Amino acid sequence: MNKIFSRGLARKRVMSNDGMMIGQIKNLIIDLDTGAVIDLLVKPEVSFDTSGYRMDGDQLLIPFEAVKDARDYIVVDRYLSKK
């Protein structure tokens, strides 16, 4: 994946690689020692079933390793997202 700036991710929609709309990115969790992105904080769609996903309050925690593409949408592997 090419370099992506955090401001380019602001308010992007997140969808699974099988076309399911997950929600909208709200923030990033970053390891301050390495600068690596650990998780995406995503506000889920009202109709999205969040069972099986890690949560932080009312937001989903999507591991950054699940991100497959970040152009018009953030595309994530839905099965890697359920760690």
N, C-alpha and C. Protein backbone atom coordinates (compact mmCIF):
# COMPACT_ATOMS: atom_id res chain seq x y z
N MET A 1 0.85 -1.17 0.00
CA MET A 1 0.00 0.00 0.00
C MET A 1 0.90 1.24 0.00
N ASN A 2 0.52 2.24 -0.78
CA ASN A 2 1.28 3.49 -0.82
C ASN A 2 1.09 4.27 0.47
N LYS A 3 1.87 5.33 0.62
CA LYS A 3 1.73 6.19 1.79
C LYS A 3 0.36 6.84 1.79
N ILE A 4 -0.24 6.89 2.98
CA ILE A 4 -1.54 7.53 3.17
C ILE A 4 -1.42 8.44 4.37
N PHE A 5 -1.83 9.70 4.22
CA PHE A 5 -1.79 10.63 5.33
C PHE A 5 -3.09 10.54 6.12
N SER A 6 -2.98 10.72 7.43
CA SER A 6 -4.15 10.57 8.30
C SER A 6 -5.27 11.54 7.91
N ARG A 7 -4.94 12.72 7.47
CA ARG A 7 -5.99 13.66 7.08
C ARG A 7 -6.76 13.15 5.86
N GLY A 8 -6.13 12.30 5.05
CA GLY A 8 -6.81 11.70 3.91
C GLY A 8 -7.80 10.61 4.31
N LEU A 9 -7.69 10.13 5.54
CA LEU A 9 -8.59 9.10 6.04
C LEU A 9 -9.80 9.68 6.77
N ALA A 10 -9.73 10.95 7.12
CA ALA A 10 -10.79 11.57 7.91
C ALA A 10 -12.14 11.40 7.25
N ARG A 11 -13.07 10.87 8.01
CA ARG A 11 -14.48 10.69 7.63
C ARG A 11 -14.70 9.75 6.45
N LYS A 12 -13.70 8.95 6.10
CA LYS A 12 -13.92 7.98 5.01
C LYS A 12 -14.85 6.88 5.49
N ARG A 13 -15.60 6.34 4.56
CA ARG A 13 -16.48 5.22 4.84
C ARG A 13 -15.67 3.94 4.82
N VAL A 14 -16.04 3.01 5.68
CA VAL A 14 -15.35 1.73 5.78
C VAL A 14 -16.29 0.63 5.30
N MET A 15 -15.80 -0.19 4.38
CA MET A 15 -16.60 -1.31 3.90
C MET A 15 -15.75 -2.57 3.89
N SER A 16 -16.44 -3.71 3.95
CA SER A 16 -15.73 -4.98 3.94
C SER A 16 -15.39 -5.36 2.50
N ASN A 17 -14.47 -6.30 2.36
CA ASN A 17 -14.07 -6.72 1.02
C ASN A 17 -15.17 -7.50 0.31
N ASP A 18 -16.25 -7.84 1.01
CA ASP A 18 -17.38 -8.47 0.35
C ASP A 18 -18.54 -7.49 0.12
N GLY A 19 -18.26 -6.19 0.24
CA GLY A 19 -19.22 -5.14 -0.11
C GLY A 19 -20.16 -4.68 0.99
N MET A 20 -19.99 -5.16 2.21
CA MET A 20 -20.86 -4.75 3.32
C MET A 20 -20.37 -3.42 3.89
N MET A 21 -21.28 -2.43 4.01
CA MET A 21 -20.92 -1.14 4.59
C MET A 21 -20.81 -1.30 6.10
N ILE A 22 -19.64 -0.97 6.65
CA ILE A 22 -19.39 -1.12 8.08
C ILE A 22 -19.66 0.17 8.84
N GLY A 23 -19.15 1.28 8.36
CA GLY A 23 -19.36 2.54 9.06
C GLY A 23 -18.44 3.63 8.55
N GLN A 24 -18.14 4.58 9.42
CA GLN A 24 -17.31 5.73 9.07
C GLN A 24 -16.16 5.85 10.04
N ILE A 25 -14.96 6.07 9.51
CA ILE A 25 -13.77 6.19 10.36
C ILE A 25 -13.87 7.46 11.20
N LYS A 26 -13.56 7.32 12.47
CA LYS A 26 -13.61 8.45 13.39
C LYS A 26 -12.23 8.83 13.92
N ASN A 27 -11.35 7.83 14.07
CA ASN A 27 -10.03 8.13 14.62
C ASN A 27 -9.10 6.95 14.37
N LEU A 28 -7.84 7.14 14.72
CA LEU A 28 -6.82 6.11 14.61
C LEU A 28 -6.18 5.89 15.97
N ILE A 29 -5.76 4.67 16.24
CA ILE A 29 -4.97 4.38 17.43
C ILE A 29 -3.57 4.05 16.94
N ILE A 30 -2.59 4.80 17.45
CA ILE A 30 -1.21 4.71 16.97
C ILE A 30 -0.28 4.35 18.11
N ASP A 31 0.69 3.50 17.83
CA ASP A 31 1.75 3.18 18.78
C ASP A 31 2.72 4.37 18.77
N LEU A 32 2.80 5.10 19.86
CA LEU A 32 3.62 6.30 19.91
C LEU A 32 5.12 6.00 19.84
N ASP A 33 5.53 4.81 20.22
CA ASP A 33 6.95 4.46 20.14
C ASP A 33 7.41 4.21 18.71
N THR A 34 6.56 3.55 17.92
CA THR A 34 6.95 3.18 16.56
C THR A 34 6.30 4.04 15.49
N GLY A 35 5.18 4.67 15.82
CA GLY A 35 4.44 5.45 14.83
C GLY A 35 3.50 4.60 13.99
N ALA A 36 3.43 3.31 14.28
CA ALA A 36 2.58 2.40 13.51
C ALA A 36 1.12 2.55 13.91
N VAL A 37 0.24 2.49 12.90
CA VAL A 37 -1.19 2.51 13.17
C VAL A 37 -1.59 1.13 13.67
N ILE A 38 -2.26 1.08 14.80
CA ILE A 38 -2.67 -0.18 15.42
C ILE A 38 -4.11 -0.52 15.02
N ASP A 39 -5.02 0.42 15.24
CA ASP A 39 -6.45 0.20 14.99
C ASP A 39 -7.09 1.42 14.35
N LEU A 40 -8.19 1.17 13.64
CA LEU A 40 -9.08 2.22 13.19
C LEU A 40 -10.27 2.24 14.14
N LEU A 41 -10.67 3.41 14.57
CA LEU A 41 -11.90 3.55 15.36
C LEU A 41 -13.01 3.92 14.38
N VAL A 42 -14.04 3.10 14.32
CA VAL A 42 -15.09 3.25 13.32
C VAL A 42 -16.45 3.34 13.98
N LYS A 43 -17.22 4.35 13.60
CA LYS A 43 -18.61 4.45 14.06
C LYS A 43 -19.42 3.55 13.13
N PRO A 44 -20.00 2.47 13.67
CA PRO A 44 -20.70 1.52 12.80
C PRO A 44 -22.03 2.07 12.27
N GLU A 45 -22.41 1.58 11.09
CA GLU A 45 -23.73 1.86 10.53
C GLU A 45 -24.77 1.30 11.50
N VAL A 46 -25.92 1.91 11.56
CA VAL A 46 -26.98 1.47 12.45
C VAL A 46 -27.37 0.01 12.15
N SER A 47 -27.36 -0.36 10.89
CA SER A 47 -27.78 -1.71 10.50
C SER A 47 -26.66 -2.75 10.59
N PHE A 48 -25.45 -2.34 10.96
CA PHE A 48 -24.32 -3.27 10.99
C PHE A 48 -24.31 -4.06 12.29
N ASP A 49 -24.21 -5.38 12.20
CA ASP A 49 -24.17 -6.26 13.37
C ASP A 49 -22.74 -6.26 13.94
N THR A 50 -22.56 -5.69 15.11
CA THR A 50 -21.23 -5.55 15.71
C THR A 50 -20.81 -6.74 16.55
N SER A 51 -21.65 -7.76 16.66
CA SER A 51 -21.27 -8.91 17.48
C SER A 51 -20.05 -9.60 16.88
N GLY A 52 -19.11 -9.96 17.75
CA GLY A 52 -17.87 -10.59 17.31
C GLY A 52 -16.74 -9.61 17.06
N TYR A 53 -17.03 -8.33 17.09
CA TYR A 53 -16.01 -7.30 16.87
C TYR A 53 -15.55 -6.72 18.20
N ARG A 54 -14.31 -6.27 18.26
CA ARG A 54 -13.84 -5.54 19.44
C ARG A 54 -14.48 -4.16 19.43
N MET A 55 -14.89 -3.71 20.60
CA MET A 55 -15.56 -2.41 20.71
C MET A 55 -14.84 -1.54 21.72
N ASP A 56 -14.94 -0.23 21.50
CA ASP A 56 -14.50 0.78 22.46
C ASP A 56 -15.69 1.70 22.64
N GLY A 57 -16.49 1.42 23.64
CA GLY A 57 -17.74 2.15 23.79
C GLY A 57 -18.68 1.78 22.66
N ASP A 58 -19.10 2.77 21.88
CA ASP A 58 -20.00 2.50 20.77
C ASP A 58 -19.26 2.46 19.42
N GLN A 59 -17.92 2.38 19.46
CA GLN A 59 -17.14 2.36 18.22
C GLN A 59 -16.41 1.02 18.05
N LEU A 60 -16.30 0.61 16.80
CA LEU A 60 -15.57 -0.61 16.46
C LEU A 60 -14.08 -0.35 16.44
N LEU A 61 -13.32 -1.34 16.87
CA LEU A 61 -11.86 -1.30 16.73
C LEU A 61 -11.50 -2.27 15.60
N ILE A 62 -11.06 -1.72 14.48
CA ILE A 62 -10.68 -2.53 13.33
C ILE A 62 -9.15 -2.56 13.26
N PRO A 63 -8.51 -3.73 13.37
CA PRO A 63 -7.05 -3.78 13.29
C PRO A 63 -6.56 -3.24 11.94
N PHE A 64 -5.52 -2.45 11.96
CA PHE A 64 -5.02 -1.86 10.72
C PHE A 64 -4.55 -2.93 9.75
N GLU A 65 -4.12 -4.07 10.25
CA GLU A 65 -3.69 -5.16 9.37
C GLU A 65 -4.83 -5.70 8.52
N ALA A 66 -6.09 -5.39 8.86
CA ALA A 66 -7.25 -5.82 8.07
C ALA A 66 -7.50 -4.92 6.87
N VAL A 67 -6.85 -3.74 6.82
CA VAL A 67 -7.05 -2.80 5.72
C VAL A 67 -6.42 -3.36 4.45
N LYS A 68 -7.23 -3.42 3.40
CA LYS A 68 -6.77 -3.94 2.11
C LYS A 68 -6.59 -2.83 1.08
N ASP A 69 -7.35 -1.75 1.21
CA ASP A 69 -7.29 -0.66 0.25
C ASP A 69 -7.81 0.61 0.92
N ALA A 70 -7.34 1.74 0.48
CA ALA A 70 -7.77 3.02 1.08
C ALA A 70 -7.82 4.09 0.00
N ARG A 71 -8.80 3.97 -0.86
CA ARG A 71 -8.99 4.99 -1.90
C ARG A 71 -10.27 5.75 -1.61
N ASP A 72 -11.34 5.47 -2.36
CA ASP A 72 -12.62 6.13 -2.11
C ASP A 72 -13.22 5.66 -0.79
N TYR A 73 -13.03 4.38 -0.50
CA TYR A 73 -13.47 3.77 0.75
C TYR A 73 -12.26 3.11 1.40
N ILE A 74 -12.35 2.88 2.71
CA ILE A 74 -11.38 2.04 3.39
C ILE A 74 -11.95 0.62 3.28
N VAL A 75 -11.27 -0.24 2.57
CA VAL A 75 -11.75 -1.62 2.40
C VAL A 75 -10.98 -2.50 3.37
N VAL A 76 -11.72 -3.26 4.17
CA VAL A 76 -11.10 -4.14 5.16
C VAL A 76 -11.56 -5.57 4.95
N ASP A 77 -10.72 -6.49 5.33
CA ASP A 77 -11.07 -7.90 5.34
C ASP A 77 -11.94 -8.13 6.57
N ARG A 78 -13.19 -8.49 6.35
CA ARG A 78 -14.15 -8.60 7.46
C ARG A 78 -13.73 -9.67 8.47
N TYR A 79 -13.09 -10.73 8.01
CA TYR A 79 -12.70 -11.80 8.93
C TYR A 79 -11.47 -11.42 9.75
N LEU A 80 -10.53 -10.68 9.17
CA LEU A 80 -9.39 -10.19 9.95
C LEU A 80 -9.83 -9.11 10.93
N SER A 81 -10.94 -8.46 10.65
CA SER A 81 -11.45 -7.39 11.52
C SER A 81 -12.00 -7.91 12.83
N LYS A 82 -12.29 -9.19 12.90
CA LYS A 82 -12.92 -9.77 14.10
C LYS A 82 -11.94 -10.33 15.08
N LYS A 83 -10.72 -9.91 15.07
CA LYS A 83 -9.71 -10.42 16.01
C LYS A 83 -10.06 -10.03 17.42
